[in-house]
């Protein structure tokens, strides 16, 4: 004897009215995976529905399976139907698999189940009736509602029918690129291995991560194709990937099992991504023959060489998303490790570097990699930093901080003494630094894109020839400022084996001083106007002439 579950009239009436009054503006039926529950009963199972279009026809196949609270699953049922003009799809289900040890009672596998379903809210939600045996074998009638979920492969039917019929055309596959992984890349320490991932039919990707490769190299990727239907045996197609009007990938492929986890294909780009140190935003549009199979945005940093940690006491690693994002932006499209000019990577970095922009100052800008995580507090001295912010970008500015004569506690140098390398910008509470710290930042930025550098101190230190006490010679800067105890600059190794000096604080962008080591050290040159007196380093005051050293370390 059948048992019908009690269903409140108030719940069913509005739905029933829709079915009989003929609403003509119904949502088009859509394919994909849906998760539903029943509004009736106390032990309500989760219901999975898989909706597939049969070829290019107006017929749809629905596969249904209940998942009980103890983890067991009900029988796999499947059926086909066409959508009425009111948007409802009626299906007579038959059991096609999964019944062993699950279905209880005397219901045979041939028992018909019935379902009537309708999608709405632009294909995001689904509702309908289910009529058939419950877990105990009693026949019930329930009202189910749910929503579109991440696509899952249809369950194995155990050879009892209801499986995917191999598609006879590329369009009937309903294929999509669901995953992209850049291979042979430079490791970014805080980025995952998968660069793009999207569930089959999902409205938005679930993962997007940048990657880094060497400039001048081709892009190697592992691409995953998934589809609603498997391809017929020996189906061949041309897979192409376009970045705008630029054809970056083209390869003949033999298609195989595309349902479920899909098919993985290794590809190498037809040409190098870029010959410059730059950020390359590639919105790759994919096709199988002439059929669109999705777009996968990938952000590729092209670097000069493998990252180097130039500043040992820098508290951060050089190869993070934030560091690549800024280093490649500040390289400003330069491509060569030469001394100076528009195509000099280090010269561009020295003249383009600037303080970060806090997330509250981004306005409408939505950076791919923000300088500060959303919700993070701004540094204590953020309001004092140079450079104006517009459209989420800070103008080129001085990084010198704190002031020589502090007036507030947060201006005391003790807060900034560890700001070497990237930490000058990354310090979450106190950013900025002195000349040698800014030089360390220049070296660290160059290290991110694979260029070696170190801080060079323009100074003279030694021992008093009479007392042996530590002494230092002060100097006046070119232009008369001072006297100063030292000046720190960045000494960068160029590809031709020579070295080049870059100043980070004594001069201003876009024309910061740069040149050879000898040029930087010359008295009367760009930094050292003239040498002054010797002073004891142990706070003993000025050293008399008879205790000046005859030899010293530093500038000759």
Protein backbone atom coordinates (compact mmCIF):
# COMPACT_ATOMS: atom_id res chain seq x y z
CA UNK A 1 0.00 0.00 0.00
CA UNK A 2 1.40 3.43 -0.93
CA UNK A 3 2.14 5.97 1.74
CA UNK A 4 1.92 9.63 0.74
CA UNK A 5 3.88 12.13 2.81
CA UNK A 6 1.87 15.01 4.25
CA UNK A 7 2.47 18.21 2.24
CA UNK A 8 1.11 21.59 3.44
CA UNK A 9 -1.29 23.08 0.89
CA UNK A 10 0.21 26.52 1.46
CA UNK A 11 3.56 25.23 0.24
CA UNK A 12 2.31 23.48 -2.87
CA UNK A 13 -0.41 25.83 -4.02
CA UNK A 14 1.75 28.59 -5.49
CA UNK A 15 3.85 26.08 -7.44
CA UNK A 16 0.83 24.21 -8.70
CA UNK A 17 -0.72 27.48 -9.83
CA UNK A 18 2.35 28.23 -11.91
CA UNK A 19 2.03 24.88 -13.60
CA UNK A 20 -1.60 25.23 -14.64
CA UNK A 21 -1.98 28.92 -15.41
CA UNK A 22 0.63 28.95 -18.16
CA UNK A 23 3.37 31.40 -17.24
CA UNK A 24 5.03 32.15 -20.53
CA UNK A 25 8.11 33.99 -19.25
CA UNK A 26 9.81 30.91 -17.78
CA UNK A 27 13.56 30.56 -17.26
CA UNK A 28 15.26 28.46 -19.91
CA UNK A 29 16.26 25.06 -18.59
CA UNK A 30 19.95 24.75 -17.82
CA UNK A 31 22.46 21.94 -17.42
CA UNK A 32 24.68 21.30 -14.44
CA UNK A 33 24.67 19.86 -10.93
CA UNK A 34 22.03 20.87 -8.37
CA UNK A 35 21.71 20.13 -4.65
CA UNK A 36 18.18 19.92 -3.20
CA UNK A 37 16.38 19.05 0.02
CA UNK A 38 12.77 18.24 0.82
CA UNK A 39 10.67 20.48 3.02
CA UNK A 40 8.82 17.48 4.45
CA UNK A 41 9.80 14.90 7.01
CA UNK A 42 12.35 14.81 9.79
CA UNK A 43 15.05 12.69 8.16
CA UNK A 44 15.42 14.72 4.99
CA UNK A 45 18.16 13.41 2.68
CA UNK A 46 20.30 15.59 0.46
CA UNK A 47 19.34 15.12 -3.19
CA UNK A 48 21.76 15.47 -6.08
CA UNK A 49 20.44 16.15 -9.59
CA UNK A 50 22.61 16.03 -12.70
CA UNK A 51 20.98 17.74 -15.70
CA UNK A 52 22.41 17.06 -19.18
CA UNK A 53 21.20 18.08 -22.59
CA UNK A 54 20.89 15.10 -24.93
CA UNK A 55 23.04 16.05 -27.88
CA UNK A 56 21.80 19.30 -29.43
CA UNK A 57 18.13 18.37 -29.05
CA UNK A 58 15.50 19.88 -26.76
CA UNK A 59 15.57 16.76 -24.63
CA UNK A 60 17.19 16.76 -21.20
CA UNK A 61 18.37 13.85 -19.08
CA UNK A 62 18.08 14.10 -15.28
CA UNK A 63 20.06 11.77 -13.06
CA UNK A 64 19.00 11.69 -9.41
CA UNK A 65 20.50 10.23 -6.24
CA UNK A 66 19.70 10.68 -2.55
CA UNK A 67 22.49 10.99 0.03
CA UNK A 68 21.40 9.99 3.55
CA UNK A 69 22.66 11.40 6.83
CA UNK A 70 24.60 8.24 7.66
CA UNK A 71 26.62 8.68 4.47
CA UNK A 72 24.97 5.93 2.42
CA UNK A 73 23.45 6.73 -0.94
CA UNK A 74 20.19 5.80 -2.59
CA UNK A 75 19.69 4.24 -6.01
CA UNK A 76 20.87 6.11 -9.10
CA UNK A 77 17.84 6.93 -11.22
CA UNK A 78 17.75 8.52 -14.65
CA UNK A 79 15.18 9.67 -17.16
CA UNK A 80 14.63 12.01 -20.10
CA UNK A 81 12.03 14.60 -20.94
CA UNK A 82 11.31 17.83 -22.79
CA UNK A 83 10.55 21.21 -21.25
CA UNK A 84 6.94 22.42 -21.40
CA UNK A 85 6.10 25.96 -22.48
CA UNK A 86 5.69 26.85 -18.79
CA UNK A 87 9.28 25.78 -18.05
CA UNK A 88 8.57 22.48 -16.27
CA UNK A 89 10.44 19.28 -17.15
CA UNK A 90 8.68 16.01 -16.34
CA UNK A 91 10.72 12.84 -16.11
CA UNK A 92 9.90 9.18 -15.49
CA UNK A 93 12.94 7.81 -13.71
CA UNK A 94 14.25 4.27 -13.88
CA UNK A 95 16.83 2.78 -11.55
CA UNK A 96 20.12 2.50 -13.42
CA UNK A 97 22.61 1.67 -10.67
CA UNK A 98 23.76 1.95 -7.11
CA UNK A 99 20.98 -0.13 -5.51
CA UNK A 100 23.00 -2.85 -3.78
CA UNK A 101 22.79 -2.64 0.01
CA UNK A 102 20.96 0.69 -0.07
CA UNK A 103 17.40 0.29 -1.24
CA UNK A 104 15.38 -1.47 1.48
CA UNK A 105 11.97 -3.05 0.96
CA UNK A 106 10.46 -4.93 -1.92
CA UNK A 107 10.79 -2.31 -4.64
CA UNK A 108 12.31 -3.90 -7.77
CA UNK A 109 14.94 -2.07 -9.82
CA UNK A 110 12.44 -1.60 -12.64
CA UNK A 111 10.10 0.54 -10.51
CA UNK A 112 9.36 3.87 -12.13
CA UNK A 113 9.94 7.06 -10.20
CA UNK A 114 8.56 10.42 -11.29
CA UNK A 115 9.88 13.95 -11.08
CA UNK A 116 8.73 17.35 -12.28
CA UNK A 117 11.29 20.14 -12.06
CA UNK A 118 11.74 23.77 -13.00
CA UNK A 119 14.77 26.05 -12.85
CA UNK A 120 14.46 29.71 -11.97
CA UNK A 121 16.42 32.76 -10.88
CA UNK A 122 18.42 32.69 -14.13
CA UNK A 123 19.28 29.03 -13.74
CA UNK A 124 20.67 29.35 -10.22
CA UNK A 125 17.78 27.67 -8.37
CA UNK A 126 15.54 24.66 -8.91
CA UNK A 127 12.29 23.33 -7.44
CA UNK A 128 9.93 20.50 -8.11
CA UNK A 129 8.08 17.36 -7.03
CA UNK A 130 9.45 13.88 -6.51
CA UNK A 131 7.21 10.80 -6.35
CA UNK A 132 8.52 7.32 -5.67
CA UNK A 133 9.77 4.89 -2.99
CA UNK A 134 11.66 6.33 -0.04
CA UNK A 135 14.56 4.57 1.68
CA UNK A 136 12.25 2.05 3.35
CA UNK A 137 10.41 1.27 0.13
CA UNK A 138 7.29 3.31 0.92
CA UNK A 139 6.02 5.46 -1.91
CA UNK A 140 6.10 9.17 -1.03
CA UNK A 141 5.45 12.49 -2.72
CA UNK A 142 7.61 15.43 -1.65
CA UNK A 143 8.34 18.97 -2.73
CA UNK A 144 12.08 19.62 -3.26
CA UNK A 145 13.94 22.90 -3.57
CA UNK A 146 17.59 23.69 -4.07
CA UNK A 147 20.25 25.56 -5.99
CA UNK A 148 22.97 25.08 -8.50
CA UNK A 149 26.19 23.75 -6.94
CA UNK A 150 29.71 23.08 -8.13
CA UNK A 151 29.65 20.59 -10.96
CA UNK A 152 30.30 16.98 -10.00
CA UNK A 153 30.66 13.97 -12.26
CA UNK A 154 27.53 11.87 -12.55
CA UNK A 155 27.75 8.72 -10.41
CA UNK A 156 28.79 5.42 -11.91
CA UNK A 157 25.73 3.58 -13.19
CA UNK A 158 27.35 0.19 -12.77
CA UNK A 159 26.65 -0.75 -16.38
CA UNK A 160 22.89 -0.51 -15.91
CA UNK A 161 22.29 2.22 -18.46
CA UNK A 162 21.87 5.94 -18.00
CA UNK A 163 25.52 6.71 -18.76
CA UNK A 164 26.75 9.38 -21.10
CA UNK A 165 26.26 8.73 -24.79
CA UNK A 166 29.46 9.68 -26.63
CA UNK A 167 28.96 12.97 -28.43
CA UNK A 168 29.12 12.90 -32.20
CA UNK A 169 30.21 16.53 -32.57
CA UNK A 170 32.54 18.90 -30.69
CA UNK A 171 29.63 21.19 -29.85
CA UNK A 172 27.66 18.33 -28.29
CA UNK A 173 30.52 17.69 -25.84
CA UNK A 174 29.63 20.88 -23.95
CA UNK A 175 33.31 21.06 -22.97
CA UNK A 176 35.06 23.70 -20.89
CA UNK A 177 38.57 24.45 -19.67
CA UNK A 178 38.31 23.81 -15.93
CA UNK A 179 41.94 23.98 -14.77
CA UNK A 180 45.21 25.53 -15.88
CA UNK A 181 48.60 25.00 -14.27
CA UNK A 182 51.75 26.77 -15.46
CA UNK A 183 54.68 24.34 -15.49
CA UNK A 184 58.42 25.00 -15.52
CA UNK A 185 57.76 28.28 -13.76
CA UNK A 186 59.56 30.25 -11.05
CA UNK A 187 58.12 29.31 -7.68
CA UNK A 188 56.13 32.03 -5.94
CA UNK A 189 56.26 31.09 -2.27
CA UNK A 190 52.71 32.16 -1.36
CA UNK A 191 50.92 31.07 -4.56
CA UNK A 192 49.39 27.66 -5.21
CA UNK A 193 50.41 25.33 -8.02
CA UNK A 194 47.07 25.62 -9.82
CA UNK A 195 46.80 28.98 -11.55
CA UNK A 196 43.18 28.78 -12.68
CA UNK A 197 40.34 26.48 -11.68
CA UNK A 198 36.61 26.53 -12.35
CA UNK A 199 33.92 23.94 -11.85
CA UNK A 200 32.27 22.76 -15.04
CA UNK A 201 29.41 25.17 -15.66
CA UNK A 202 30.22 27.32 -12.62
CA UNK A 203 29.54 31.03 -12.92
CA UNK A 204 32.94 32.09 -11.55
CA UNK A 205 36.38 30.53 -11.04
CA UNK A 206 37.16 29.06 -7.65
CA UNK A 207 40.88 29.83 -7.88
CA UNK A 208 43.10 32.34 -9.69
CA UNK A 209 46.82 32.52 -8.84
CA UNK A 210 49.67 34.35 -10.63
CA UNK A 211 52.76 32.64 -11.94
CA UNK A 212 56.27 33.72 -12.92
CA UNK A 213 58.51 32.61 -15.77
CA UNK A 214 61.73 33.89 -17.32
CA UNK A 215 61.44 36.62 -19.91
CA UNK A 216 61.95 35.36 -23.44
CA UNK A 217 60.61 31.90 -22.56
CA UNK A 218 57.58 30.13 -23.92
CA UNK A 219 54.69 29.41 -21.62
CA UNK A 220 54.22 25.75 -20.67
CA UNK A 221 50.90 24.73 -19.18
CA UNK A 222 48.85 21.70 -18.19
CA UNK A 223 45.26 22.32 -19.23
CA UNK A 224 42.26 20.29 -18.09
CA UNK A 225 39.24 19.90 -20.37
CA UNK A 226 36.03 18.63 -18.83
CA UNK A 227 32.66 18.11 -20.52
CA UNK A 228 29.08 17.02 -20.00
CA UNK A 229 29.60 14.18 -22.46
CA UNK A 230 32.51 12.00 -23.48
CA UNK A 231 33.89 12.19 -26.97
CA UNK A 232 33.36 9.40 -29.45
CA UNK A 233 36.46 7.21 -29.88
CA UNK A 234 39.36 8.79 -31.81
CA UNK A 235 37.74 12.22 -31.91
CA UNK A 236 40.37 14.75 -32.95
CA UNK A 237 40.21 18.52 -32.74
CA UNK A 238 42.45 21.55 -32.91
CA UNK A 239 42.85 23.23 -29.54
CA UNK A 240 43.71 26.93 -29.78
CA UNK A 241 44.32 29.57 -27.12
CA UNK A 242 44.10 33.26 -27.98
CA UNK A 243 45.33 36.18 -25.88
CA UNK A 244 43.33 38.94 -27.50
CA UNK A 245 44.24 38.88 -31.19
CA UNK A 246 47.45 36.95 -30.47
CA UNK A 247 47.40 33.19 -31.05
CA UNK A 248 49.46 31.84 -28.19
CA UNK A 249 48.58 28.12 -28.35
CA UNK A 250 47.65 25.73 -31.13
CA UNK A 251 47.78 21.95 -30.93
CA UNK A 252 45.98 18.96 -32.43
CA UNK A 253 44.53 16.76 -29.69
CA UNK A 254 42.77 13.42 -29.47
CA UNK A 255 39.87 13.71 -27.07
CA UNK A 256 39.15 11.00 -24.55
CA UNK A 257 37.26 10.75 -21.26
CA UNK A 258 36.07 14.29 -20.60
CA UNK A 259 33.38 13.64 -18.00
CA UNK A 260 34.27 13.67 -14.32
CA UNK A 261 37.78 14.98 -13.67
CA UNK A 262 38.35 15.61 -17.39
CA UNK A 263 41.34 15.20 -19.68
CA UNK A 264 44.72 16.87 -19.04
CA UNK A 265 46.68 18.21 -22.00
CA UNK A 266 50.26 19.58 -21.98
CA UNK A 267 50.80 22.67 -24.12
CA UNK A 268 53.68 24.98 -25.01
CA UNK A 269 53.03 28.44 -26.38
CA UNK A 270 53.91 29.19 -29.99
CA UNK A 271 56.12 32.09 -28.91
CA UNK A 272 57.62 33.70 -25.85
CA UNK A 273 55.21 35.53 -23.58
CA UNK A 274 57.42 38.65 -23.29
CA UNK A 275 61.03 39.75 -23.66
CA UNK A 276 60.55 42.32 -20.88
CA UNK A 277 60.41 42.26 -17.10
CA UNK A 278 56.70 42.94 -16.86
CA UNK A 279 53.24 41.90 -15.70
CA UNK A 280 51.41 40.00 -18.43
CA UNK A 281 47.66 39.66 -17.93
CA UNK A 282 46.58 36.95 -20.36
CA UNK A 283 42.86 36.31 -20.75
CA UNK A 284 43.22 33.09 -22.71
CA UNK A 285 40.20 32.27 -24.87
CA UNK A 286 40.09 28.59 -25.79
CA UNK A 287 38.47 26.80 -28.71
CA UNK A 288 38.13 23.21 -29.88
CA UNK A 289 37.97 23.67 -33.63
CA UNK A 290 35.49 26.56 -33.88
CA UNK A 291 33.66 25.85 -30.60
CA UNK A 292 34.33 28.10 -27.58
CA UNK A 293 35.38 26.13 -24.50
CA UNK A 294 35.94 28.96 -22.05
CA UNK A 295 38.32 31.73 -21.01
CA UNK A 296 41.01 31.34 -18.36
CA UNK A 297 42.64 34.54 -17.06
CA UNK A 298 46.25 34.05 -15.94
CA UNK A 299 48.68 36.65 -14.61
CA UNK A 300 52.26 35.93 -15.67
CA UNK A 301 55.28 37.79 -14.28
CA UNK A 302 58.23 37.66 -16.68
CA UNK A 303 61.48 37.90 -14.70
CA UNK A 304 65.08 38.51 -15.71
CA UNK A 305 66.35 35.46 -13.79
CA UNK A 306 65.58 33.27 -10.79
CA UNK A 307 64.98 35.31 -7.61
CA UNK A 308 67.92 36.07 -5.32
CA UNK A 309 67.79 37.10 -1.66
CA UNK A 310 70.30 39.95 -1.78
CA UNK A 311 69.71 41.22 1.76
CA UNK A 312 70.27 38.43 4.29
CA UNK A 313 68.61 40.32 7.15
CA UNK A 314 65.49 41.14 5.14
CA UNK A 315 62.58 39.63 7.12
CA UNK A 316 60.63 38.65 3.98
CA UNK A 317 61.30 36.35 1.05
CA UNK A 318 61.91 37.98 -2.36
CA UNK A 319 59.58 35.75 -4.39
CA UNK A 320 56.08 36.51 -3.11
CA UNK A 321 53.05 37.61 -5.10
CA UNK A 322 53.27 41.14 -3.70
CA UNK A 323 56.98 41.42 -4.45
CA UNK A 324 56.70 40.12 -8.02
CA UNK A 325 53.69 42.36 -8.62
CA UNK A 326 55.55 45.50 -7.57
CA UNK A 327 59.01 44.61 -8.89
CA UNK A 328 57.67 43.80 -12.36
CA UNK A 329 55.54 46.95 -12.37
CA UNK A 330 58.47 49.13 -11.29
CA UNK A 331 60.75 47.58 -13.93
CA UNK A 332 58.50 49.55 -16.28
CA UNK A 333 58.94 47.28 -19.29
CA UNK A 334 62.76 47.29 -19.23
CA UNK A 335 64.45 44.18 -20.58
CA UNK A 336 68.21 44.47 -19.96
CA UNK A 337 70.53 44.40 -16.95
CA UNK A 338 72.61 47.36 -18.07
CA UNK A 339 73.70 50.49 -16.23
CA UNK A 340 71.23 53.19 -17.17
CA UNK A 341 68.50 54.28 -19.53
CA UNK A 342 64.92 53.35 -20.33
CA UNK A 343 65.84 49.71 -20.97
CA UNK A 344 67.83 49.27 -17.75
CA UNK A 345 65.87 47.16 -15.27
CA UNK A 346 67.70 48.43 -12.18
CA UNK A 347 67.56 52.05 -13.34
CA UNK A 348 63.79 51.82 -13.83
CA UNK A 349 63.27 50.13 -10.44
CA UNK A 350 65.33 52.80 -8.68
CA UNK A 351 63.21 55.55 -10.23
CA UNK A 352 59.80 53.86 -9.99
CA UNK A 353 59.73 52.40 -6.46
CA UNK A 354 57.25 53.94 -4.03
CA UNK A 355 55.30 53.30 -0.83
CA UNK A 356 52.36 50.90 -0.78
CA UNK A 357 48.70 51.91 -0.98
CA UNK A 358 46.44 50.86 1.88
CA UNK A 359 43.28 48.96 0.92
CA UNK A 360 41.06 51.76 2.26
CA UNK A 361 42.59 54.13 -0.32
CA UNK A 362 42.00 51.92 -3.36
CA UNK A 363 38.72 53.60 -4.33
CA UNK A 364 37.31 51.73 -7.31
CA UNK A 365 40.64 50.07 -8.07
CA UNK A 366 40.69 46.29 -7.62
CA UNK A 367 44.34 45.22 -7.83
CA UNK A 368 45.10 41.60 -8.66
CA UNK A 369 47.54 41.58 -5.74
CA UNK A 370 46.83 44.28 -3.13
CA UNK A 371 49.70 45.76 -1.13
CA UNK A 372 47.81 45.22 2.14
CA UNK A 373 45.31 42.43 2.90
CA UNK A 374 41.77 43.70 3.25
CA UNK A 375 41.06 44.43 6.90
CA UNK A 376 44.73 44.99 7.81
CA UNK A 377 45.49 48.16 9.77
CA UNK A 378 47.51 50.89 8.11
CA UNK A 379 51.04 51.55 9.44
CA UNK A 380 51.21 54.07 12.28
CA UNK A 381 53.06 56.58 10.11
CA UNK A 382 50.99 55.94 6.96
CA UNK A 383 49.47 59.42 7.00
CA UNK A 384 52.95 61.01 6.97
CA UNK A 385 54.22 59.20 3.87
CA UNK A 386 55.12 61.16 0.76
CA UNK A 387 53.26 60.87 -2.51
CA UNK A 388 49.59 61.37 -3.30
CA UNK A 389 47.21 58.48 -3.96
CA UNK A 390 44.88 58.53 -6.97
CA UNK A 391 42.81 55.66 -8.40
CA UNK A 392 44.55 53.25 -6.06
CA UNK A 393 48.07 54.24 -7.16
CA UNK A 394 50.64 56.22 -5.17
CA UNK A 395 52.84 58.66 -7.01
CA UNK A 396 56.61 58.17 -6.98
CA UNK A 397 57.76 59.42 -3.61
CA UNK A 398 60.59 59.64 -1.12
CA UNK A 399 60.91 56.58 1.12
CA UNK A 400 62.95 58.45 3.74
CA UNK A 401 61.48 58.05 7.23
CA UNK A 402 61.60 58.82 10.13
CA UNK A 403 62.61 62.50 10.35
CA UNK A 404 66.03 63.27 11.78
CA UNK A 405 64.43 65.20 14.64
CA UNK A 406 61.45 63.17 15.95
CA UNK A 407 58.52 64.98 17.54
CA UNK A 408 56.26 61.95 18.14
CA UNK A 409 56.97 58.52 19.60
CA UNK A 410 56.22 56.74 16.30
CA UNK A 411 58.94 58.83 14.64
CA UNK A 412 61.70 57.41 16.83
CA UNK A 413 64.27 55.45 14.84
CA UNK A 414 63.98 52.44 17.15
CA UNK A 415 60.76 51.53 15.29
CA UNK A 416 62.58 51.44 11.94
CA UNK A 417 66.01 49.99 12.74
CA UNK A 418 65.15 46.59 11.19
CA UNK A 419 63.72 47.98 7.93
CA UNK A 420 66.19 46.51 5.45
CA UNK A 421 65.25 45.17 2.02
CA UNK A 422 61.57 44.64 1.27
CA UNK A 423 60.83 45.04 5.00
CA UNK A 424 61.20 48.81 4.55
CA UNK A 425 57.82 48.61 2.74
CA UNK A 426 56.44 45.42 4.30
CA UNK A 427 56.74 46.44 7.96
CA UNK A 428 53.06 46.46 8.99
CA UNK A 429 53.41 49.20 11.63
CA UNK A 430 56.34 51.51 10.71
CA UNK A 431 57.52 51.89 7.10
CA UNK A 432 60.48 53.78 5.66
CA UNK A 433 64.19 53.99 6.39
CA UNK A 434 67.51 55.82 6.09
CA UNK A 435 69.74 55.96 3.02
CA UNK A 436 71.40 52.57 3.56
CA UNK A 437 68.01 50.96 4.22
CA UNK A 438 66.62 52.39 1.00
CA UNK A 439 69.67 51.09 -0.83
CA UNK A 440 68.90 47.66 0.67
CA UNK A 441 65.37 47.96 -0.75
CA UNK A 442 66.75 48.70 -4.22
CA UNK A 443 68.88 45.56 -3.94
CA UNK A 444 65.94 43.48 -2.69
CA UNK A 445 63.64 44.58 -5.52
CA UNK A 446 66.31 43.70 -8.07
CA UNK A 447 66.78 40.36 -6.30
CA UNK A 448 63.11 39.51 -6.87
CA UNK A 449 63.67 39.68 -10.64
CA UNK A 450 66.99 37.83 -10.38
CA UNK A 451 69.62 40.60 -10.34
CA UNK A 452 72.38 40.47 -7.72
CA UNK A 453 73.17 43.50 -5.58
CA UNK A 454 74.54 44.68 -2.24
CA UNK A 455 74.65 47.84 -0.15
CA UNK A 456 77.81 49.91 -0.58
CA UNK A 457 78.71 52.32 2.23
CA UNK A 458 80.45 55.52 1.17
CA UNK A 459 82.50 56.00 4.35
CA UNK A 460 85.95 55.91 5.92
CA UNK A 461 86.61 54.04 9.17
CA UNK A 462 89.81 53.00 10.90
CA UNK A 463 91.88 53.06 14.10
CA UNK A 464 93.72 56.04 15.59
CA UNK A 465 97.41 55.55 14.83
CA UNK A 466 98.36 56.68 18.34
CA UNK A 467 95.50 55.43 20.54
CA UNK A 468 94.06 52.57 18.45
CA UNK A 469 90.60 53.89 19.17
CA UNK A 470 87.91 53.44 16.43
CA UNK A 471 87.58 56.56 14.31
CA UNK A 472 85.42 57.74 11.41
CA UNK A 473 85.97 60.55 8.95
CA UNK A 474 82.92 62.70 8.26
CA UNK A 475 82.24 64.41 4.93
CA UNK A 476 80.23 67.24 3.46
CA UNK A 477 77.82 66.28 0.73
CA UNK A 478 78.01 67.76 -2.72
CA UNK A 479 76.17 71.06 -2.35
CA UNK A 480 77.33 71.66 1.22
CA UNK A 481 75.04 69.55 3.43
CA UNK A 482 76.45 67.77 6.45
CA UNK A 483 78.75 66.76 7.84
CA UNK A 484 77.62 63.16 7.39
CA UNK A 485 79.06 59.95 8.77
CA UNK A 486 78.23 57.78 5.72
CA UNK A 487 75.95 57.39 2.71
CA UNK A 488 74.48 54.06 1.54
CA UNK A 489 73.94 53.24 -2.15
CA UNK A 490 73.00 50.10 -4.08
CA UNK A 491 75.80 48.31 -5.91
CA UNK A 492 74.27 46.14 -8.66
CA UNK A 493 76.05 43.45 -10.70
CA UNK A 494 75.39 43.90 -14.42
CA UNK A 495 75.25 41.10 -16.96
CA UNK A 496 78.54 42.13 -18.56
CA UNK A 497 80.39 41.54 -15.27
CA UNK A 498 80.72 45.19 -14.28
CA UNK A 499 78.95 46.95 -11.41
CA UNK A 500 76.77 50.06 -11.29
CA UNK A 501 75.77 52.36 -8.44
CA UNK A 502 72.15 53.44 -7.84
CA UNK A 503 71.20 56.07 -5.29
CA UNK A 504 67.98 55.60 -3.35
CA UNK A 505 67.68 58.76 -1.28
CA UNK A 506 70.28 61.48 -2.01
CA UNK A 507 68.58 62.33 -5.32
CA UNK A 508 65.04 62.30 -6.62
CA UNK A 509 63.23 60.36 -9.34
CA UNK A 510 62.89 60.21 -12.25
CA UNK A 511 66.59 61.15 -12.42
CA UNK A 512 68.20 59.47 -9.44
CA UNK A 513 71.98 59.57 -9.53
CA UNK A 514 73.70 56.49 -10.95
CA UNK A 515 77.15 55.63 -12.24
CA UNK A 516 80.32 53.64 -11.65
CA UNK A 517 81.75 52.85 -8.24
CA UNK A 518 84.74 55.09 -8.86
CA UNK A 519 82.47 57.96 -9.90
CA UNK A 520 80.41 57.55 -6.71
CA UNK A 521 83.48 57.53 -4.44
CA UNK A 522 85.30 60.51 -5.91
CA UNK A 523 85.72 63.51 -3.63
CA UNK A 524 84.06 66.39 -5.40
CA UNK A 525 81.79 63.87 -7.13
CA UNK A 526 78.03 63.33 -6.93
CA UNK A 527 77.87 62.48 -3.21
CA UNK A 528 81.09 63.47 -1.42
CA UNK A 529 81.80 67.15 -1.81
CA UNK A 530 84.77 67.21 0.55
CA UNK A 531 86.13 65.26 3.50
CA UNK A 532 85.93 66.75 6.99
CA UNK A 533 87.30 65.87 10.43
CA UNK A 534 87.91 62.50 12.04
CA UNK A 535 85.80 61.64 15.11
CA UNK A 536 86.14 58.89 17.67
CA UNK A 537 83.43 56.25 17.26
CA UNK A 538 83.35 55.64 21.04
CA UNK A 539 81.85 59.11 21.60
CA UNK A 540 85.20 60.68 22.39
CA UNK A 541 84.74 63.74 20.20
CA UNK A 542 87.03 64.99 17.47
CA UNK A 543 90.28 63.07 16.98
CA UNK A 544 93.45 65.22 16.98
CA UNK A 545 95.65 65.24 13.91
CA UNK A 546 98.29 63.02 15.48
CA UNK A 547 95.67 60.25 15.92
CA UNK A 548 94.35 60.31 12.35
CA UNK A 549 94.87 56.90 10.69
CA UNK A 550 97.24 56.58 7.78
CA UNK A 551 95.13 53.77 6.28
CA UNK A 552 91.43 53.06 6.58
CA UNK A 553 88.56 50.96 5.26
CA UNK A 554 86.04 52.24 2.76
CA UNK A 555 86.47 55.00 0.21
CA UNK A 556 90.12 55.18 -0.92
